[in-house]
PDB file of N, CA and C in Angstrom:
ATOM      1  N   MET A   1      33.223   5.309  14.111  1.00  0.00           N
ATOM      2  CA  MET A   1      33.583   5.913  12.899  1.00  0.00           C
ATOM      3  C   MET A   1      33.141   5.898  11.697  1.00  0.00           C
ATOM      4  N   PHE A   2      32.372   4.391  11.364  1.00  0.00           N
ATOM      5  CA  PHE A   2      31.460   4.357   9.986  1.00  0.00           C
ATOM      6  C   PHE A   2      30.572   5.508   9.808  1.00  0.00           C
ATOM      7  N   MET A   3      29.992   6.111  10.705  1.00  0.00           N
ATOM      8  CA  MET A   3      29.203   7.244  10.768  1.00  0.00           C
ATOM      9  C   MET A   3      29.471   8.403  10.066  1.00  0.00           C
ATOM     10  N   HIS A   4      30.740   8.700   9.708  1.00  0.00           N
ATOM     11  CA  HIS A   4      31.476   9.756   9.285  1.00  0.00           C
ATOM     12  C   HIS A   4      31.598   9.164   7.773  1.00  0.00           C
ATOM     13  N   LEU A   5      31.937   8.099   7.199  1.00  0.00           N
ATOM     14  CA  LEU A   5      32.178   7.784   5.832  1.00  0.00           C
ATOM     15  C   LEU A   5      31.064   8.202   5.062  1.00  0.00           C
ATOM     16  N   ARG A   6      31.177   8.434   3.835  1.00  0.00           N
ATOM     17  CA  ARG A   6      30.687   9.204   2.574  1.00  0.00           C
ATOM     18  C   ARG A   6      29.495   7.953   2.517  1.00  0.00           C
ATOM     19  N   LYS A   7      29.834   6.709   2.207  1.00  0.00           N
ATOM     20  CA  LYS A   7      28.298   5.541   2.389  1.00  0.00           C
ATOM     21  C   LYS A   7      28.359   4.496   3.332  1.00  0.00           C
ATOM     22  N   ARG A   8      27.301   4.824   3.834  1.00  0.00           N
ATOM     23  CA  ARG A   8      27.254   3.423   5.176  1.00  0.00           C
ATOM     24  C   ARG A   8      26.865   2.351   4.307  1.00  0.00           C
ATOM     25  N   ARG A   9      27.068   1.365   5.487  1.00  0.00           N
ATOM     26  CA  ARG A   9      26.794  -0.444   4.724  1.00  0.00           C
ATOM     27  C   ARG A   9      25.129  -0.272   4.953  1.00  0.00           C
ATOM     28  N   ARG A  10      24.886  -1.201   3.936  1.00  0.00           N
ATOM     29  CA  ARG A  10      23.117  -0.836   3.930  1.00  0.00           C
ATOM     30  C   ARG A  10      22.886  -2.220   5.268  1.00  0.00           C
ATOM     31  N   LYS A  11      21.882  -1.810   5.238  1.00  0.00           N
ATOM     32  CA  LYS A  11      21.104  -2.901   6.524  1.00  0.00           C
ATOM     33  C   LYS A  11      20.855  -4.267   6.186  1.00  0.00           C
ATOM     34  N   ARG A  12      21.161  -5.195   6.710  1.00  0.00           N
ATOM     35  CA  ARG A  12      20.769  -6.200   6.210  1.00  0.00           C
ATOM     36  C   ARG A  12      19.161  -6.712   6.664  1.00  0.00           C
ATOM     37  N   ARG A  13      18.829  -7.331   5.601  1.00  0.00           N
ATOM     38  CA  ARG A  13      17.054  -7.629   5.936  1.00  0.00           C
ATOM     39  C   ARG A  13      17.124  -8.979   6.522  1.00  0.00           C
ATOM     40  N   ARG A  14      16.283  -9.187   7.484  1.00  0.00           N
ATOM     41  CA  ARG A  14      16.280 -10.235   8.504  1.00  0.00           C
ATOM     42  C   ARG A  14      15.353 -11.201   7.781  1.00  0.00           C
ATOM     43  N   ARG A  15      15.259 -12.404   7.572  1.00  0.00           N
ATOM     44  CA  ARG A  15      15.216 -13.932   7.011  1.00  0.00           C
ATOM     45  C   ARG A  15      14.226 -14.569   8.103  1.00  0.00           C
ATOM     46  N   GLY A  16      13.246 -15.226   7.720  1.00  0.00           N
ATOM     47  CA  GLY A  16      12.449 -15.874   8.401  1.00  0.00           C
ATOM     48  C   GLY A  16      11.609 -15.355   9.399  1.00  0.00           C
ATOM     49  N   MET A  17      11.665 -14.090   9.538  1.00  0.00           N
ATOM     50  CA  MET A  17      10.839 -13.747  10.436  1.00  0.00           C
ATOM     51  C   MET A  17       9.524 -13.359   9.840  1.00  0.00           C
ATOM     52  N   ARG A  18       8.249 -13.723  10.345  1.00  0.00           N
ATOM     53  CA  ARG A  18       6.793 -13.359   9.735  1.00  0.00           C
ATOM     54  C   ARG A  18       6.162 -12.106  10.487  1.00  0.00           C
ATOM     55  N   ASP A  19       5.245 -11.591   9.886  1.00  0.00           N
ATOM     56  CA  ASP A  19       4.340 -10.718   9.967  1.00  0.00           C
ATOM     57  C   ASP A  19       3.403 -11.092  10.556  1.00  0.00           C
ATOM     58  N   GLY A  20       3.167 -10.888  11.332  1.00  0.00           N
ATOM     59  CA  GLY A  20       1.624 -11.565  11.934  1.00  0.00           C
ATOM     60  C   GLY A  20       0.191 -10.745  12.114  1.00  0.00           C
ATOM     61  N   ARG A  21       0.907  -9.544  11.407  1.00  0.00           N
ATOM     62  CA  ARG A  21      -0.423  -8.536  11.518  1.00  0.00           C
ATOM     63  C   ARG A  21      -1.562  -9.004  10.417  1.00  0.00           C
ATOM     64  N   GLY A  22      -2.698  -8.592  10.595  1.00  0.00           N
ATOM     65  CA  GLY A  22      -3.323  -8.732   9.304  1.00  0.00           C
ATOM     66  C   GLY A  22      -4.043 -10.162   9.088  1.00  0.00           C
ATOM     67  N   GLN A  23      -3.898 -11.072  10.190  1.00  0.00           N
ATOM     68  CA  GLN A  23      -4.202 -12.382  10.179  1.00  0.00           C
ATOM     69  C   GLN A  23      -5.713 -12.641  11.175  1.00  0.00           C
ATOM     70  N   LEU A  24      -6.659 -12.954  10.394  1.00  0.00           N
ATOM     71  CA  LEU A  24      -8.059 -13.309  11.063  1.00  0.00           C
ATOM     72  C   LEU A  24      -7.746 -14.891  11.748  1.00  0.00           C
ATOM     73  N   THR A  25      -8.366 -14.702  12.850  1.00  0.00           N
ATOM     74  CA  THR A  25      -8.230 -16.105  13.317  1.00  0.00           C
ATOM     75  C   THR A  25      -9.578 -17.391  13.194  1.00  0.00           C
ATOM     76  N   HIS A  26     -10.819 -16.144  13.250  1.00  0.00           N
ATOM     77  CA  HIS A  26     -11.866 -17.111  13.062  1.00  0.00           C
ATOM     78  C   HIS A  26     -12.715 -16.674  11.761  1.00  0.00           C
ATOM     79  N   ARG A  27     -11.360 -16.428  10.943  1.00  0.00           N
ATOM     80  CA  ARG A  27     -12.415 -16.265   9.739  1.00  0.00           C
ATOM     81  C   ARG A  27     -13.020 -17.405   8.688  1.00  0.00           C
ATOM     82  N   ARG A  28     -13.878 -17.301   7.995  1.00  0.00           N
ATOM     83  CA  ARG A  28     -14.634 -18.191   7.075  1.00  0.00           C
ATOM     84  C   ARG A  28     -14.344 -18.053   5.445  1.00  0.00           C
ATOM     85  N   SER A  29     -14.262 -18.781   4.892  1.00  0.00           N
ATOM     86  CA  SER A  29     -13.920 -19.002   3.609  1.00  0.00           C
ATOM     87  C   SER A  29     -15.627 -18.136   2.737  1.00  0.00           C
ATOM     88  N   TRP A  30     -15.146 -17.502   1.482  1.00  0.00           N
ATOM     89  CA  TRP A  30     -15.926 -17.340   0.752  1.00  0.00           C
ATOM     90  C   TRP A  30     -17.018 -18.862   0.068  1.00  0.00           C
ATOM     91  N   THR A  31     -16.170 -19.771   0.092  1.00  0.00           N
ATOM     92  CA  THR A  31     -17.104 -20.842  -0.312  1.00  0.00           C
ATOM     93  C   THR A  31     -18.216 -21.517   0.739  1.00  0.00           C
ATOM     94  N   GLN A  32     -18.188 -20.927   2.041  1.00  0.00           N
ATOM     95  CA  GLN A  32     -18.839 -21.112   3.028  1.00  0.00           C
ATOM     96  C   GLN A  32     -19.897 -20.616   3.223  1.00  0.00           C
ATOM     97  N   ARG A  33     -20.210 -19.637   2.535  1.00  0.00           N
ATOM     98  CA  ARG A  33     -21.362 -18.510   2.194  1.00  0.00           C
ATOM     99  C   ARG A  33     -22.614 -19.328   2.268  1.00  0.00           C
ATOM    100  N   PRO A  34     -23.606 -18.908   3.090  1.00  0.00           N
ATOM    101  CA  PRO A  34     -25.444 -19.202   2.818  1.00  0.00           C
ATOM    102  C   PRO A  34     -25.755 -19.595   1.562  1.00  0.00           C
ATOM    103  N   SER A  35     -26.817 -20.471   1.312  1.00  0.00           N
ATOM    104  CA  SER A  35     -26.845 -20.330  -0.109  1.00  0.00           C
ATOM    105  C   SER A  35     -27.956 -19.535  -0.246  1.00  0.00           C
ATOM    106  N   VAL A  36     -28.498 -18.495   0.608  1.00  0.00           N
ATOM    107  CA  VAL A  36     -29.259 -17.217   0.270  1.00  0.00           C
ATOM    108  C   VAL A  36     -28.369 -16.740  -0.300  1.00  0.00           C
ATOM    109  N   VAL A  37     -27.411 -16.081   0.153  1.00  0.00           N
ATOM    110  CA  VAL A  37     -26.229 -15.117  -0.699  1.00  0.00           C
ATOM    111  C   VAL A  37     -26.244 -15.581  -1.791  1.00  0.00           C
ATOM    112  N   GLU A  38     -25.876 -16.690  -1.843  1.00  0.00           N
ATOM    113  CA  GLU A  38     -25.336 -17.090  -3.296  1.00  0.00           C
ATOM    114  C   GLU A  38     -26.824 -16.897  -4.294  1.00  0.00           C
ATOM    115  N   ARG A  39     -27.916 -16.994  -3.991  1.00  0.00           N
ATOM    116  CA  ARG A  39     -29.139 -17.123  -4.756  1.00  0.00           C
ATOM    117  C   ARG A  39     -29.201 -15.472  -4.754  1.00  0.00           C
ATOM    118  N   ARG A  40     -28.763 -14.647  -4.454  1.00  0.00           N
ATOM    119  CA  ARG A  40     -28.885 -13.243  -4.578  1.00  0.00           C
ATOM    120  C   ARG A  40     -30.308 -12.801  -4.550  1.00  0.00           C
ATOM    121  N   SER A  41     -31.008 -13.881  -3.300  1.00  0.00           N
ATOM    122  CA  SER A  41     -32.449 -13.163  -3.290  1.00  0.00           C
ATOM    123  C   SER A  41     -33.130 -12.084  -2.220  1.00  0.00           C
ATOM    124  N   ARG A  42     -32.170 -11.622  -1.513  1.00  0.00           N
ATOM    125  CA  ARG A  42     -32.004 -10.868  -0.435  1.00  0.00           C
ATOM    126  C   ARG A  42     -31.409  -9.860  -0.933  1.00  0.00           C
ATOM    127  N   ILE A  43     -31.342  -8.465  -0.424  1.00  0.00           N
ATOM    128  CA  ILE A  43     -30.703  -7.239  -0.161  1.00  0.00           C
ATOM    129  C   ILE A  43     -29.923  -6.986   0.800  1.00  0.00           C
ATOM    130  N   GLY A  44     -28.989  -6.877   0.954  1.00  0.00           N
ATOM    131  CA  GLY A  44     -28.109  -6.429   2.287  1.00  0.00           C
ATOM    132  C   GLY A  44     -27.182  -7.366   2.674  1.00  0.00           C
ATOM    133  N   ASP A  45     -26.237  -8.224   1.552  1.00  0.00           N
ATOM    134  CA  ASP A  45     -25.628  -8.757   1.316  1.00  0.00           C
ATOM    135  C   ASP A  45     -24.352  -8.392   0.893  1.00  0.00           C
ATOM    136  N   TRP A  46     -23.178  -7.704   1.170  1.00  0.00           N
ATOM    137  CA  TRP A  46     -22.302  -6.980   0.462  1.00  0.00           C
ATOM    138  C   TRP A  46     -20.893  -8.084   0.825  1.00  0.00           C
ATOM    139  N   GLU A  47     -19.946  -7.912  -0.544  1.00  0.00           N
ATOM    140  CA  GLU A  47     -19.376  -8.689  -0.636  1.00  0.00           C
ATOM    141  C   GLU A  47     -17.653  -7.290  -0.512  1.00  0.00           C
ATOM    142  N   LEU A  48     -16.911  -7.662   0.008  1.00  0.00           N
ATOM    143  CA  LEU A  48     -15.789  -6.368   0.286  1.00  0.00           C
ATOM    144  C   LEU A  48     -14.361  -7.044  -0.183  1.00  0.00           C
ATOM    145  N   ASP A  49     -13.687  -6.134  -0.724  1.00  0.00           N
ATOM    146  CA  ASP A  49     -12.431  -6.547  -0.959  1.00  0.00           C
ATOM    147  C   ASP A  49     -11.499  -5.253  -0.950  1.00  0.00           C
ATOM    148  N   THR A  50      -9.885  -5.501  -0.332  1.00  0.00           N
ATOM    149  CA  THR A  50      -9.321  -4.744  -0.027  1.00  0.00           C
ATOM    150  C   THR A  50      -8.127  -4.915  -1.289  1.00  0.00           C
ATOM    151  N   ILE A  51      -7.811  -3.577  -1.850  1.00  0.00           N
ATOM    152  CA  ILE A  51      -6.927  -3.159  -2.679  1.00  0.00           C
ATOM    153  C   ILE A  51      -5.788  -2.439  -2.241  1.00  0.00           C
ATOM    154  N   ARG A  52      -4.462  -2.989  -2.194  1.00  0.00           N
ATOM    155  CA  ARG A  52      -3.301  -2.517  -1.809  1.00  0.00           C
ATOM    156  C   ARG A  52      -2.415  -2.119  -2.989  1.00  0.00           C
ATOM    157  N   ALA A  53      -1.736  -0.659  -2.958  1.00  0.00           N
ATOM    158  CA  ALA A  53      -1.266  -0.311  -3.817  1.00  0.00           C
ATOM    159  C   ALA A  53       0.467  -0.846  -3.542  1.00  0.00           C
ATOM    160  N   SER A  54       1.344  -0.858  -4.653  1.00  0.00           N
ATOM    161  CA  SER A  54       2.952  -1.163  -4.305  1.00  0.00           C
ATOM    162  C   SER A  54       2.997  -0.508  -3.344  1.00  0.00           C
ATOM    163  N   HIS A  55       4.018  -1.254  -2.630  1.00  0.00           N
ATOM    164  CA  HIS A  55       5.143  -0.456  -1.233  1.00  0.00           C
ATOM    165  C   HIS A  55       4.352   0.205  -0.129  1.00  0.00           C
ATOM    166  N   GLY A  56       2.593  -0.019  -0.301  1.00  0.00           N
ATOM    167  CA  GLY A  56       2.008   0.098   0.745  1.00  0.00           C
ATOM    168  C   GLY A  56       1.769   1.527   0.703  1.00  0.00           C
ATOM    169  N   LYS A  57       1.823   2.082  -0.309  1.00  0.00           N
ATOM    170  CA  LYS A  57       1.709   3.633  -0.143  1.00  0.00           C
ATOM    171  C   LYS A  57      -0.129   3.894  -0.224  1.00  0.00           C
ATOM    172  N   GLY A  58      -1.043   3.340  -0.660  1.00  0.00           N
ATOM    173  CA  GLY A  58      -2.656   3.562  -0.943  1.00  0.00           C
ATOM    174  C   GLY A  58      -3.618   1.983  -0.467  1.00  0.00           C
ATOM    175  N   VAL A  59      -4.359   2.605  -0.272  1.00  0.00           N
ATOM    176  CA  VAL A  59      -5.234   1.371  -0.169  1.00  0.00           C
ATOM    177  C   VAL A  59      -6.826   1.449  -0.287  1.00  0.00           C
ATOM    178  N   VAL A  60      -7.559   0.843  -1.372  1.00  0.00           N
ATOM    179  CA  VAL A  60      -8.726   0.999  -1.562  1.00  0.00           C
ATOM    180  C   VAL A  60      -9.495  -0.247  -1.405  1.00  0.00           C
ATOM    181  N   VAL A  61     -10.971   0.522  -0.542  1.00  0.00           N
ATOM    182  CA  VAL A  61     -11.953  -0.628  -0.171  1.00  0.00           C
ATOM    183  C   VAL A  61     -13.217  -0.706  -1.051  1.00  0.00           C
ATOM    184  N   SER A  62     -13.033  -2.032  -1.997  1.00  0.00           N
ATOM    185  CA  SER A  62     -14.383  -2.042  -2.752  1.00  0.00           C
ATOM    186  C   SER A  62     -15.765  -3.106  -2.180  1.00  0.00           C
ATOM    187  N   MET A  63     -16.496  -2.484  -2.346  1.00  0.00           N
ATOM    188  CA  MET A  63     -17.770  -3.171  -1.690  1.00  0.00           C
ATOM    189  C   MET A  63     -18.617  -2.949  -2.698  1.00  0.00           C
ATOM    190  N   THR A  64     -19.172  -4.453  -2.882  1.00  0.00           N
ATOM    191  CA  THR A  64     -20.365  -4.692  -3.842  1.00  0.00           C
ATOM    192  C   THR A  64     -21.897  -5.249  -3.038  1.00  0.00           C
ATOM    193  N   GLU A  65     -22.519  -4.564  -3.395  1.00  0.00           N
ATOM    194  CA  GLU A  65     -24.018  -4.969  -2.866  1.00  0.00           C
ATOM    195  C   GLU A  65     -24.230  -6.503  -3.877  1.00  0.00           C
ATOM    196  N   ARG A  66     -24.692  -7.573  -3.507  1.00  0.00           N
ATOM    197  CA  ARG A  66     -24.439  -8.787  -3.966  1.00  0.00           C
ATOM    198  C   ARG A  66     -25.997  -8.723  -4.995  1.00  0.00           C
ATOM    199  N   ARG A  67     -27.221  -8.575  -4.866  1.00  0.00           N
ATOM    200  CA  ARG A  67     -28.519  -8.370  -5.651  1.00  0.00           C
ATOM    201  C   ARG A  67     -28.364  -7.142  -6.162  1.00  0.00           C
ATOM    202  N   SER A  68     -28.355  -5.669  -6.012  1.00  0.00           N
ATOM    203  CA  SER A  68     -28.560  -4.952  -6.584  1.00  0.00           C
ATOM    204  C   SER A  68     -26.964  -4.551  -7.589  1.00  0.00           C
ATOM    205  N   ARG A  69     -26.537  -4.886  -7.087  1.00  0.00           N
ATOM    206  CA  ARG A  69     -24.619  -5.027  -7.752  1.00  0.00           C
ATOM    207  C   ARG A  69     -24.174  -3.597  -7.529  1.00  0.00           C
ATOM    208  N   LEU A  70     -24.531  -2.724  -6.554  1.00  0.00           N
ATOM    209  CA  LEU A  70     -23.953  -1.403  -6.440  1.00  0.00           C
ATOM    210  C   LEU A  70     -22.747  -1.509  -5.927  1.00  0.00           C
ATOM    211  N   HIS A  71     -21.724  -0.709  -6.320  1.00  0.00           N
ATOM    212  CA  HIS A  71     -20.238  -1.103  -6.329  1.00  0.00           C
ATOM    213  C   HIS A  71     -20.067   0.456  -5.551  1.00  0.00           C
ATOM    214  N   LEU A  72     -19.319   0.437  -4.050  1.00  0.00           N
ATOM    215  CA  LEU A  72     -18.561   1.474  -3.867  1.00  0.00           C
ATOM    216  C   LEU A  72     -17.180   1.407  -3.284  1.00  0.00           C
ATOM    217  N   LEU A  73     -16.411   2.379  -3.738  1.00  0.00           N
ATOM    218  CA  LEU A  73     -15.279   2.372  -3.635  1.00  0.00           C
ATOM    219  C   LEU A  73     -14.695   3.533  -2.174  1.00  0.00           C
ATOM    220  N   ALA A  74     -14.239   2.966  -1.300  1.00  0.00           N
ATOM    221  CA  ALA A  74     -13.600   4.137  -0.305  1.00  0.00           C
ATOM    222  C   ALA A  74     -12.252   3.970  -0.252  1.00  0.00           C
TER     223      ALA A  74
END
């Protein structure tokens, strides 16, 4: 019967459930990077960031080469 009413009841949000997607198990912090990368003495060390729009409608990946400071967006 409630399916035929003009306005249905709002769905309840589940609390306490955590989304496990996107969690890296063996990740390393950027503070643990080698000293060669910190000195920017070689080409080929990239820094990547993910930029997500509100409500998950779009994603941009920002890639920066540490020595030449070349920026790429994808």
